[in-house]
Amino acid sequence: MSLGFFPMDSMKGQGGIQMLLTAEQEAQQIISSAKNLKNTRLKQAKEEAEKDVATYRSHLEAEYQKRIAETGGASGANVQRLEEETDVKIQNLKGSASTVSEDITGMLIKYVTTAKV
C-alpha cells in the first residue's frame, strides 16, 4: 500500500517544483521588466534635467549680458572702484599680518627650542 502512495507523492512533488520554477521565471521577468522601465525613466529624467539646466543657463546668460550692456558705459568706473577696494583690502591684510607675525614667530621659536620631557 505504501508503494501505491509513493509514485503519487512523487508526482505531486515534481509538479510543485515545476510550479516553483515557473513562478521563479515569472518573477525574474517581472524584475527584468521593472529594471528596464527604471533605466528608461532615469534616462528620461536625466534628459529633462539637462534641458532644464540648459534653459536656466541661457536665461542667466541673457540676464548677465543685459546687465553688462546696461552698465557698459560705467564699467570703467566699476573697474576703478573695484581696484581701489582691492588695494584697501590688501593694505588691511598686510597690516594684520605684520601685527601678528611677531607673535607667531615668537611662538614658533618657543616650541622649537623648548625640550619636552
C-alpha atoms as a PDB file:
ATOM      1  CA  MET A   1       0.000   0.000   0.000  1.00  0.00           C
ATOM      2  CA  SER A   2       2.778   2.387   0.717  1.00  0.00           C
ATOM      3  CA  LEU A   3       4.140   1.754  -2.766  1.00  0.00           C
ATOM      4  CA  GLY A   4       0.848   2.990  -4.225  1.00  0.00           C
ATOM      5  CA  PHE A   5       1.188   6.341  -2.460  1.00  0.00           C
ATOM      6  CA  PHE A   6       4.852   6.828  -3.248  1.00  0.00           C
ATOM      7  CA  PRO A   7       4.513   7.444  -7.004  1.00  0.00           C
ATOM      8  CA  MET A   8       1.632   9.817  -6.413  1.00  0.00           C
ATOM      9  CA  ASP A   9       3.587  11.796  -3.791  1.00  0.00           C
ATOM     10  CA  SER A  10       6.496  11.907  -6.210  1.00  0.00           C
ATOM     11  CA  MET A  11       4.233  13.323  -8.902  1.00  0.00           C
ATOM     12  CA  LYS A  12       2.933  15.985  -6.538  1.00  0.00           C
ATOM     13  CA  GLY A  13       6.497  16.912  -5.574  1.00  0.00           C
ATOM     14  CA  GLN A  14       7.580  17.244  -9.202  1.00  0.00           C
ATOM     15  CA  GLY A  15       4.517  19.301 -10.017  1.00  0.00           C
ATOM     16  CA  GLY A  16       5.263  21.602  -7.069  1.00  0.00           C
ATOM     17  CA  ILE A  17       8.857  22.000  -8.160  1.00  0.00           C
ATOM     18  CA  GLN A  18       7.730  22.805 -11.687  1.00  0.00           C
ATOM     19  CA  MET A  19       5.303  25.390 -10.315  1.00  0.00           C
ATOM     20  CA  LEU A  20       8.101  26.937  -8.261  1.00  0.00           C
ATOM     21  CA  LEU A  21      10.402  27.065 -11.270  1.00  0.00           C
ATOM     22  CA  THR A  22       7.669  28.677 -13.352  1.00  0.00           C
ATOM     23  CA  ALA A  23       6.954  31.206 -10.617  1.00  0.00           C
ATOM     24  CA  GLU A  24      10.666  31.987 -10.324  1.00  0.00           C
ATOM     25  CA  GLN A  25      10.935  32.585 -14.075  1.00  0.00           C
ATOM     26  CA  GLU A  26       7.903  34.856 -13.993  1.00  0.00           C
ATOM     27  CA  ALA A  27       9.391  36.766 -11.060  1.00  0.00           C
ATOM     28  CA  GLN A  28      12.676  37.192 -12.940  1.00  0.00           C
ATOM     29  CA  GLN A  29      10.800  38.512 -15.961  1.00  0.00           C
ATOM     30  CA  ILE A  30       8.892  40.963 -13.778  1.00  0.00           C
ATOM     31  CA  ILE A  31      12.117  42.138 -12.134  1.00  0.00           C
ATOM     32  CA  SER A  32      13.852  42.470 -15.501  1.00  0.00           C
ATOM     33  CA  SER A  33      10.943  44.447 -16.880  1.00  0.00           C
ATOM     34  CA  ALA A  34      10.918  46.716 -13.821  1.00  0.00           C
ATOM     35  CA  LYS A  35      14.676  47.315 -14.138  1.00  0.00           C
ATOM     36  CA  ASN A  36      14.320  48.204 -17.806  1.00  0.00           C
ATOM     37  CA  LEU A  37      11.459  50.563 -17.020  1.00  0.00           C
ATOM     38  CA  LYS A  38      13.500  52.146 -14.224  1.00  0.00           C
ATOM     39  CA  ASN A  39      16.518  52.641 -16.503  1.00  0.00           C
ATOM     40  CA  THR A  40      14.328  54.165 -19.200  1.00  0.00           C
ATOM     41  CA  ARG A  41      12.749  56.552 -16.715  1.00  0.00           C
ATOM     42  CA  LEU A  42      16.175  57.511 -15.313  1.00  0.00           C
ATOM     43  CA  LYS A  43      17.387  58.338 -18.817  1.00  0.00           C
ATOM     44  CA  GLN A  44      14.282  60.422 -19.434  1.00  0.00           C
ATOM     45  CA  ALA A  45      14.731  62.242 -16.131  1.00  0.00           C
ATOM     46  CA  LYS A  46      18.376  62.949 -16.949  1.00  0.00           C
ATOM     47  CA  GLU A  47      17.466  64.328 -20.361  1.00  0.00           C
ATOM     48  CA  GLU A  48      14.739  66.502 -18.851  1.00  0.00           C
ATOM     49  CA  ALA A  49      17.143  67.779 -16.194  1.00  0.00           C
ATOM     50  CA  GLU A  50      19.765  68.595 -18.828  1.00  0.00           C
ATOM     51  CA  LYS A  51      17.155  70.545 -20.812  1.00  0.00           C
ATOM     52  CA  ASP A  52      16.127  72.446 -17.686  1.00  0.00           C
ATOM     53  CA  VAL A  53      19.753  73.253 -16.879  1.00  0.00           C
ATOM     54  CA  ALA A  54      20.405  74.462 -20.419  1.00  0.00           C
ATOM     55  CA  THR A  55      17.302  76.647 -20.330  1.00  0.00           C
ATOM     56  CA  TYR A  56      18.222  78.091 -16.947  1.00  0.00           C
ATOM     57  CA  ARG A  57      21.824  78.673 -18.027  1.00  0.00           C
ATOM     58  CA  SER A  58      20.739  80.518 -21.163  1.00  0.00           C
ATOM     59  CA  HIS A  59      18.316  82.601 -19.085  1.00  0.00           C
ATOM     60  CA  LEU A  60      21.093  83.570 -16.668  1.00  0.00           C
ATOM     61  CA  GLU A  61      23.460  84.314 -19.541  1.00  0.00           C
ATOM     62  CA  ALA A  62      20.842  86.587 -21.149  1.00  0.00           C
ATOM     63  CA  GLU A  63      20.357  88.444 -17.855  1.00  0.00           C
ATOM     64  CA  TYR A  64      24.117  88.777 -17.445  1.00  0.00           C
ATOM     65  CA  GLN A  65      24.537  90.123 -20.970  1.00  0.00           C
ATOM     66  CA  LYS A  66      21.680  92.557 -20.380  1.00  0.00           C
ATOM     67  CA  ARG A  67      23.329  93.865 -17.221  1.00  0.00           C
ATOM     68  CA  ILE A  68      26.671  94.153 -18.965  1.00  0.00           C
ATOM     69  CA  ALA A  69      25.015  96.152 -21.745  1.00  0.00           C
ATOM     70  CA  GLU A  70      23.226  98.402 -19.232  1.00  0.00           C
ATOM     71  CA  THR A  71      26.420  99.172 -17.309  1.00  0.00           C
ATOM     72  CA  GLY A  72      28.679  99.259 -20.359  1.00  0.00           C
ATOM     73  CA  GLY A  73      29.351 102.999 -20.035  1.00  0.00           C
ATOM     74  CA  ALA A  74      30.061 102.770 -16.315  1.00  0.00           C
ATOM     75  CA  SER A  75      32.261  99.685 -16.489  1.00  0.00           C
ATOM     76  CA  GLY A  76      35.454 101.754 -16.334  1.00  0.00           C
ATOM     77  CA  ALA A  77      34.238 103.373 -13.117  1.00  0.00           C
ATOM     78  CA  ASN A  78      33.331  99.952 -11.710  1.00  0.00           C
ATOM     79  CA  VAL A  79      36.763  98.583 -12.518  1.00  0.00           C
ATOM     80  CA  GLN A  80      38.454 101.543 -10.851  1.00  0.00           C
ATOM     81  CA  ARG A  81      36.208 101.235  -7.774  1.00  0.00           C
ATOM     82  CA  LEU A  82      36.949  97.504  -7.503  1.00  0.00           C
ATOM     83  CA  GLU A  83      40.691  98.123  -7.836  1.00  0.00           C
ATOM     84  CA  GLU A  84      40.557 100.715  -5.057  1.00  0.00           C
ATOM     85  CA  GLU A  85      38.583  98.359  -2.803  1.00  0.00           C
ATOM     86  CA  THR A  86      41.059  95.584  -3.536  1.00  0.00           C
ATOM     87  CA  ASP A  87      44.025  97.823  -2.705  1.00  0.00           C
ATOM     88  CA  VAL A  88      42.411  98.816   0.614  1.00  0.00           C
ATOM     89  CA  LYS A  89      41.794  95.150   1.474  1.00  0.00           C
ATOM     90  CA  ILE A  90      45.374  94.228   0.575  1.00  0.00           C
ATOM     91  CA  GLN A  91      46.711  97.011   2.824  1.00  0.00           C
ATOM     92  CA  ASN A  92      44.461  95.803   5.671  1.00  0.00           C
ATOM     93  CA  LEU A  93      45.706  92.234   5.256  1.00  0.00           C
ATOM     94  CA  LYS A  94      49.347  93.371   5.206  1.00  0.00           C
ATOM     95  CA  GLY A  95      48.766  95.392   8.377  1.00  0.00           C
ATOM     96  CA  SER A  96      47.128  92.420  10.111  1.00  0.00           C
ATOM     97  CA  ALA A  97      49.921  90.115   9.005  1.00  0.00           C
ATOM     98  CA  SER A  98      52.656  92.428  10.280  1.00  0.00           C
ATOM     99  CA  THR A  99      50.866  92.786  13.616  1.00  0.00           C
ATOM    100  CA  VAL A 100      50.565  89.062  14.156  1.00  0.00           C
ATOM    101  CA  SER A 101      53.832  87.947  12.568  1.00  0.00           C
ATOM    102  CA  GLU A 102      55.956  88.827  15.610  1.00  0.00           C
ATOM    103  CA  ASP A 103      53.670  86.814  17.900  1.00  0.00           C
ATOM    104  CA  ILE A 104      53.683  83.837  15.551  1.00  0.00           C
ATOM    105  CA  THR A 105      57.460  83.959  15.164  1.00  0.00           C
ATOM    106  CA  GLY A 106      57.834  84.020  18.949  1.00  0.00           C
ATOM    107  CA  MET A 107      55.520  81.046  19.390  1.00  0.00           C
ATOM    108  CA  LEU A 108      57.358  79.037  16.741  1.00  0.00           C
ATOM    109  CA  ILE A 109      60.737  79.763  18.300  1.00  0.00           C
ATOM    110  CA  LYS A 110      59.395  78.844  21.739  1.00  0.00           C
ATOM    111  CA  TYR A 111      58.009  75.478  20.533  1.00  0.00           C
ATOM    112  CA  VAL A 112      61.097  74.628  18.502  1.00  0.00           C
ATOM    113  CA  THR A 113      63.579  75.449  21.259  1.00  0.00           C
ATOM    114  CA  THR A 114      61.645  74.052  24.214  1.00  0.00           C
ATOM    115  CA  ALA A 115      62.546  70.459  25.033  1.00  0.00           C
ATOM    116  CA  LYS A 116      59.716  68.295  26.265  1.00  0.00           C
ATOM    117  CA  VAL A 117      60.496  65.751  28.886  1.00  0.00           C
END
